[in-house]
């Protein structure tokens, strides 16, 4: 196992949480990059790697709020393991399945974060912050996946025509 990509993702999470999160959020709705990376690792890698990466990302992401760090590690690891075991029942190559799992995972993580932080008017906050953050994250991921498939699809078509 090569640890360098995972260390780089942890640095990306730390940089995003410290520098980019205030600029990428609006009306209290922000991209949940830490959970997005954890879910993508859970979708593609082994169970042990998923657990360790989820714990590491949760520790780095919740460094600003150390009182809730234990809960964040617990919920992040639980969601990651649920995705790891649930992916076997889905079509792993389907973009719709990947986006659905990412949306559900980010929404559950946002909802758990609101419960941990004891948000006032929880049903409204679930609708506004948890659902809004999940939709915002999903929109970003859909654009990135579309561009990835378009660019790689174009490369595959060109390589096939050259043969």
C-alpha atoms as a PDB file:
ATOM      1  CA  UNK A   1       0.000   0.000   0.000  1.00  0.00           C
ATOM      2  CA  UNK A   2       1.327   3.370  -0.991  1.00  0.00           C
ATOM      3  CA  UNK A   3       0.446   5.950   1.671  1.00  0.00           C
ATOM      4  CA  UNK A   4       1.414   9.085  -0.235  1.00  0.00           C
ATOM      5  CA  UNK A   5      -1.965   9.670  -1.975  1.00  0.00           C
ATOM      6  CA  UNK A   6      -3.795   9.326   1.337  1.00  0.00           C
ATOM      7  CA  UNK A   7      -1.431  11.713   3.097  1.00  0.00           C
ATOM      8  CA  UNK A   8      -1.949  14.196   0.277  1.00  0.00           C
ATOM      9  CA  UNK A   9      -5.719  13.843   0.681  1.00  0.00           C
ATOM     10  CA  UNK A  10      -5.364  14.519   4.417  1.00  0.00           C
ATOM     11  CA  UNK A  11      -3.360  17.658   3.617  1.00  0.00           C
ATOM     12  CA  UNK A  12      -6.069  18.641   1.114  1.00  0.00           C
ATOM     13  CA  UNK A  13      -8.728  18.216   3.806  1.00  0.00           C
ATOM     14  CA  UNK A  14      -6.744  20.325   6.263  1.00  0.00           C
ATOM     15  CA  UNK A  15      -6.137  23.047   3.676  1.00  0.00           C
ATOM     16  CA  UNK A  16      -9.784  23.025   2.623  1.00  0.00           C
ATOM     17  CA  UNK A  17     -11.063  23.231   6.194  1.00  0.00           C
ATOM     18  CA  UNK A  18      -8.682  26.047   7.115  1.00  0.00           C
ATOM     19  CA  UNK A  19      -8.498  28.097   3.931  1.00  0.00           C
ATOM     20  CA  UNK A  20     -11.147  27.308   1.334  1.00  0.00           C
ATOM     21  CA  UNK A  21     -14.266  26.389   3.303  1.00  0.00           C
ATOM     22  CA  UNK A  22     -15.179  30.004   4.169  1.00  0.00           C
ATOM     23  CA  UNK A  23     -14.878  31.014   0.514  1.00  0.00           C
ATOM     24  CA  UNK A  24     -16.793  28.032  -0.879  1.00  0.00           C
ATOM     25  CA  UNK A  25     -19.792  28.330   1.444  1.00  0.00           C
ATOM     26  CA  UNK A  26     -22.832  30.517   1.115  1.00  0.00           C
ATOM     27  CA  UNK A  27     -25.722  31.029   3.550  1.00  0.00           C
ATOM     28  CA  UNK A  28     -24.205  28.419   5.863  1.00  0.00           C
ATOM     29  CA  UNK A  29     -24.177  25.733   3.151  1.00  0.00           C
ATOM     30  CA  UNK A  30     -20.792  24.329   2.259  1.00  0.00           C
ATOM     31  CA  UNK A  31     -19.152  21.457   0.441  1.00  0.00           C
ATOM     32  CA  UNK A  32     -18.419  18.449   2.647  1.00  0.00           C
ATOM     33  CA  UNK A  33     -15.069  17.561   1.081  1.00  0.00           C
ATOM     34  CA  UNK A  34     -13.842  15.366   3.964  1.00  0.00           C
ATOM     35  CA  UNK A  35     -16.833  13.036   3.759  1.00  0.00           C
ATOM     36  CA  UNK A  36     -16.710  13.089  -0.026  1.00  0.00           C
ATOM     37  CA  UNK A  37     -13.113  11.828  -0.016  1.00  0.00           C
ATOM     38  CA  UNK A  38     -13.912   9.182   2.600  1.00  0.00           C
ATOM     39  CA  UNK A  39     -16.843   7.889   0.547  1.00  0.00           C
ATOM     40  CA  UNK A  40     -14.769   7.766  -2.620  1.00  0.00           C
ATOM     41  CA  UNK A  41     -12.083   5.741  -0.833  1.00  0.00           C
ATOM     42  CA  UNK A  42     -14.769   3.452   0.652  1.00  0.00           C
ATOM     43  CA  UNK A  43     -16.188   2.894  -2.832  1.00  0.00           C
ATOM     44  CA  UNK A  44     -12.867   1.801  -4.346  1.00  0.00           C
ATOM     45  CA  UNK A  45     -10.527   0.461  -1.622  1.00  0.00           C
ATOM     46  CA  UNK A  46     -10.380  -2.205   1.101  1.00  0.00           C
ATOM     47  CA  UNK A  47     -12.190  -2.206   4.424  1.00  0.00           C
ATOM     48  CA  UNK A  48      -9.113  -1.665   6.578  1.00  0.00           C
ATOM     49  CA  UNK A  49      -7.868   1.204   4.442  1.00  0.00           C
ATOM     50  CA  UNK A  50     -11.361   2.718   4.470  1.00  0.00           C
ATOM     51  CA  UNK A  51     -11.504   2.621   8.265  1.00  0.00           C
ATOM     52  CA  UNK A  52      -8.073   4.113   8.810  1.00  0.00           C
ATOM     53  CA  UNK A  53      -8.614   6.811   6.228  1.00  0.00           C
ATOM     54  CA  UNK A  54     -12.041   7.682   7.661  1.00  0.00           C
ATOM     55  CA  UNK A  55     -10.594   8.029  11.153  1.00  0.00           C
ATOM     56  CA  UNK A  56      -7.705  10.156   9.917  1.00  0.00           C
ATOM     57  CA  UNK A  57      -9.939  12.446   7.879  1.00  0.00           C
ATOM     58  CA  UNK A  58     -12.370  12.854  10.763  1.00  0.00           C
ATOM     59  CA  UNK A  59      -9.554  13.812  13.128  1.00  0.00           C
ATOM     60  CA  UNK A  60      -8.125  16.332  10.665  1.00  0.00           C
ATOM     61  CA  UNK A  61     -11.531  17.755   9.715  1.00  0.00           C
ATOM     62  CA  UNK A  62     -12.697  18.179  13.306  1.00  0.00           C
ATOM     63  CA  UNK A  63      -9.447  19.639  14.621  1.00  0.00           C
ATOM     64  CA  UNK A  64     -11.196  22.996  14.967  1.00  0.00           C
ATOM     65  CA  UNK A  65     -13.840  21.528  17.287  1.00  0.00           C
ATOM     66  CA  UNK A  66     -12.031  19.055  19.547  1.00  0.00           C
ATOM     67  CA  UNK A  67     -15.050  18.505  21.826  1.00  0.00           C
ATOM     68  CA  UNK A  68     -16.898  16.693  19.033  1.00  0.00           C
ATOM     69  CA  UNK A  69     -13.887  14.895  17.554  1.00  0.00           C
ATOM     70  CA  UNK A  70     -14.796  11.487  18.984  1.00  0.00           C
ATOM     71  CA  UNK A  71     -18.321  11.660  17.623  1.00  0.00           C
ATOM     72  CA  UNK A  72     -17.040  12.775  14.231  1.00  0.00           C
ATOM     73  CA  UNK A  73     -14.633   9.836  14.068  1.00  0.00           C
ATOM     74  CA  UNK A  74     -17.395   7.420  15.065  1.00  0.00           C
ATOM     75  CA  UNK A  75     -19.958   8.670  12.549  1.00  0.00           C
ATOM     76  CA  UNK A  76     -17.468   9.069   9.709  1.00  0.00           C
ATOM     77  CA  UNK A  77     -16.105   5.555  10.189  1.00  0.00           C
ATOM     78  CA  UNK A  78     -19.611   4.080  10.520  1.00  0.00           C
ATOM     79  CA  UNK A  79     -20.815   5.733   7.309  1.00  0.00           C
ATOM     80  CA  UNK A  80     -17.652   4.660   5.473  1.00  0.00           C
ATOM     81  CA  UNK A  81     -18.039   1.033   6.553  1.00  0.00           C
ATOM     82  CA  UNK A  82     -21.736   1.080   5.619  1.00  0.00           C
ATOM     83  CA  UNK A  83     -20.830   2.318   2.142  1.00  0.00           C
ATOM     84  CA  UNK A  84     -18.052  -0.265   1.853  1.00  0.00           C
ATOM     85  CA  UNK A  85     -20.430  -3.133   2.602  1.00  0.00           C
ATOM     86  CA  UNK A  86     -23.381  -1.626   0.740  1.00  0.00           C
ATOM     87  CA  UNK A  87     -21.521  -1.170  -2.527  1.00  0.00           C
ATOM     88  CA  UNK A  88     -21.630  -4.913  -3.165  1.00  0.00           C
ATOM     89  CA  UNK A  89     -25.376  -4.725  -3.663  1.00  0.00           C
ATOM     90  CA  UNK A  90     -25.138  -1.917  -6.201  1.00  0.00           C
ATOM     91  CA  UNK A  91     -23.768  -1.650  -9.705  1.00  0.00           C
ATOM     92  CA  UNK A  92     -20.321  -0.262  -8.922  1.00  0.00           C
ATOM     93  CA  UNK A  93     -19.825   1.141 -12.426  1.00  0.00           C
ATOM     94  CA  UNK A  94     -23.102   3.056 -12.499  1.00  0.00           C
ATOM     95  CA  UNK A  95     -22.711   6.810 -12.181  1.00  0.00           C
ATOM     96  CA  UNK A  96     -26.222   7.070 -10.753  1.00  0.00           C
ATOM     97  CA  UNK A  97     -25.377   4.561  -8.009  1.00  0.00           C
ATOM     98  CA  UNK A  98     -22.164   6.400  -7.133  1.00  0.00           C
ATOM     99  CA  UNK A  99     -23.907   9.771  -6.979  1.00  0.00           C
ATOM    100  CA  UNK A 100     -26.779   8.345  -4.914  1.00  0.00           C
ATOM    101  CA  UNK A 101     -24.407   6.812  -2.384  1.00  0.00           C
ATOM    102  CA  UNK A 102     -22.366  10.023  -2.191  1.00  0.00           C
ATOM    103  CA  UNK A 103     -25.505  12.092  -1.674  1.00  0.00           C
ATOM    104  CA  UNK A 104     -26.861   9.784   1.032  1.00  0.00           C
ATOM    105  CA  UNK A 105     -23.520   9.560   2.831  1.00  0.00           C
ATOM    106  CA  UNK A 106     -22.942  13.313   2.829  1.00  0.00           C
ATOM    107  CA  UNK A 107     -26.523  13.979   3.963  1.00  0.00           C
ATOM    108  CA  UNK A 108     -26.274  11.490   6.851  1.00  0.00           C
ATOM    109  CA  UNK A 109     -22.915  12.947   7.891  1.00  0.00           C
ATOM    110  CA  UNK A 110     -24.290  16.498   7.788  1.00  0.00           C
ATOM    111  CA  UNK A 111     -27.340  15.410   9.783  1.00  0.00           C
ATOM    112  CA  UNK A 112     -25.190  13.651  12.389  1.00  0.00           C
ATOM    113  CA  UNK A 113     -23.010  16.749  12.671  1.00  0.00           C
ATOM    114  CA  UNK A 114     -26.102  18.870  13.338  1.00  0.00           C
ATOM    115  CA  UNK A 115     -27.281  16.450  16.032  1.00  0.00           C
ATOM    116  CA  UNK A 116     -23.827  16.400  17.652  1.00  0.00           C
ATOM    117  CA  UNK A 117     -23.639  20.186  17.699  1.00  0.00           C
ATOM    118  CA  UNK A 118     -27.192  20.412  19.122  1.00  0.00           C
ATOM    119  CA  UNK A 119     -28.477  22.766  16.450  1.00  0.00           C
ATOM    120  CA  UNK A 120     -31.506  24.877  17.252  1.00  0.00           C
ATOM    121  CA  UNK A 121     -34.644  24.173  15.223  1.00  0.00           C
ATOM    122  CA  UNK A 122     -33.297  20.835  14.008  1.00  0.00           C
ATOM    123  CA  UNK A 123     -35.902  20.034  11.297  1.00  0.00           C
ATOM    124  CA  UNK A 124     -35.289  23.384   9.612  1.00  0.00           C
ATOM    125  CA  UNK A 125     -31.518  22.985   9.900  1.00  0.00           C
ATOM    126  CA  UNK A 126     -31.747  19.465   8.454  1.00  0.00           C
ATOM    127  CA  UNK A 127     -33.601  20.843   5.455  1.00  0.00           C
ATOM    128  CA  UNK A 128     -31.467  23.932   5.002  1.00  0.00           C
ATOM    129  CA  UNK A 129     -27.951  22.907   5.997  1.00  0.00           C
ATOM    130  CA  UNK A 130     -27.792  19.099   5.719  1.00  0.00           C
ATOM    131  CA  UNK A 131     -29.846  18.785   2.537  1.00  0.00           C
ATOM    132  CA  UNK A 132     -28.385  21.942   1.013  1.00  0.00           C
ATOM    133  CA  UNK A 133     -24.820  20.824   1.736  1.00  0.00           C
ATOM    134  CA  UNK A 134     -25.505  17.401   0.255  1.00  0.00           C
ATOM    135  CA  UNK A 135     -26.990  18.922  -2.905  1.00  0.00           C
ATOM    136  CA  UNK A 136     -24.097  21.400  -3.195  1.00  0.00           C
ATOM    137  CA  UNK A 137     -21.541  18.603  -2.790  1.00  0.00           C
ATOM    138  CA  UNK A 138     -23.439  16.395  -5.237  1.00  0.00           C
ATOM    139  CA  UNK A 139     -23.543  19.164  -7.844  1.00  0.00           C
ATOM    140  CA  UNK A 140     -19.785  19.611  -7.621  1.00  0.00           C
ATOM    141  CA  UNK A 141     -19.199  15.857  -7.836  1.00  0.00           C
ATOM    142  CA  UNK A 142     -21.568  15.481 -10.786  1.00  0.00           C
ATOM    143  CA  UNK A 143     -19.654  18.148 -12.716  1.00  0.00           C
ATOM    144  CA  UNK A 144     -16.299  16.546 -11.865  1.00  0.00           C
ATOM    145  CA  UNK A 145     -17.539  13.040 -12.793  1.00  0.00           C
ATOM    146  CA  UNK A 146     -19.044  14.325 -16.029  1.00  0.00           C
ATOM    147  CA  UNK A 147     -15.807  16.065 -17.007  1.00  0.00           C
ATOM    148  CA  UNK A 148     -13.798  12.988 -16.022  1.00  0.00           C
ATOM    149  CA  UNK A 149     -15.975  10.694 -18.118  1.00  0.00           C
ATOM    150  CA  UNK A 150     -16.030  13.155 -21.007  1.00  0.00           C
ATOM    151  CA  UNK A 151     -12.265  13.590 -21.038  1.00  0.00           C
ATOM    152  CA  UNK A 152     -11.535   9.887 -20.512  1.00  0.00           C
ATOM    153  CA  UNK A 153     -14.288   8.909 -22.928  1.00  0.00           C
ATOM    154  CA  UNK A 154     -12.769  11.178 -25.558  1.00  0.00           C
ATOM    155  CA  UNK A 155      -9.344   9.662 -24.915  1.00  0.00           C
ATOM    156  CA  UNK A 156     -10.729   6.121 -25.206  1.00  0.00           C
ATOM    157  CA  UNK A 157     -12.478   6.927 -28.502  1.00  0.00           C
ATOM    158  CA  UNK A 158      -9.306   8.440 -29.931  1.00  0.00           C
ATOM    159  CA  UNK A 159      -7.221   5.430 -28.833  1.00  0.00           C
ATOM    160  CA  UNK A 160      -9.742   3.012 -30.343  1.00  0.00           C
ATOM    161  CA  UNK A 161      -9.779   4.870 -33.667  1.00  0.00           C
ATOM    162  CA  UNK A 162      -5.964   4.820 -33.865  1.00  0.00           C
ATOM    163  CA  UNK A 163      -5.863   1.022 -33.692  1.00  0.00           C
END
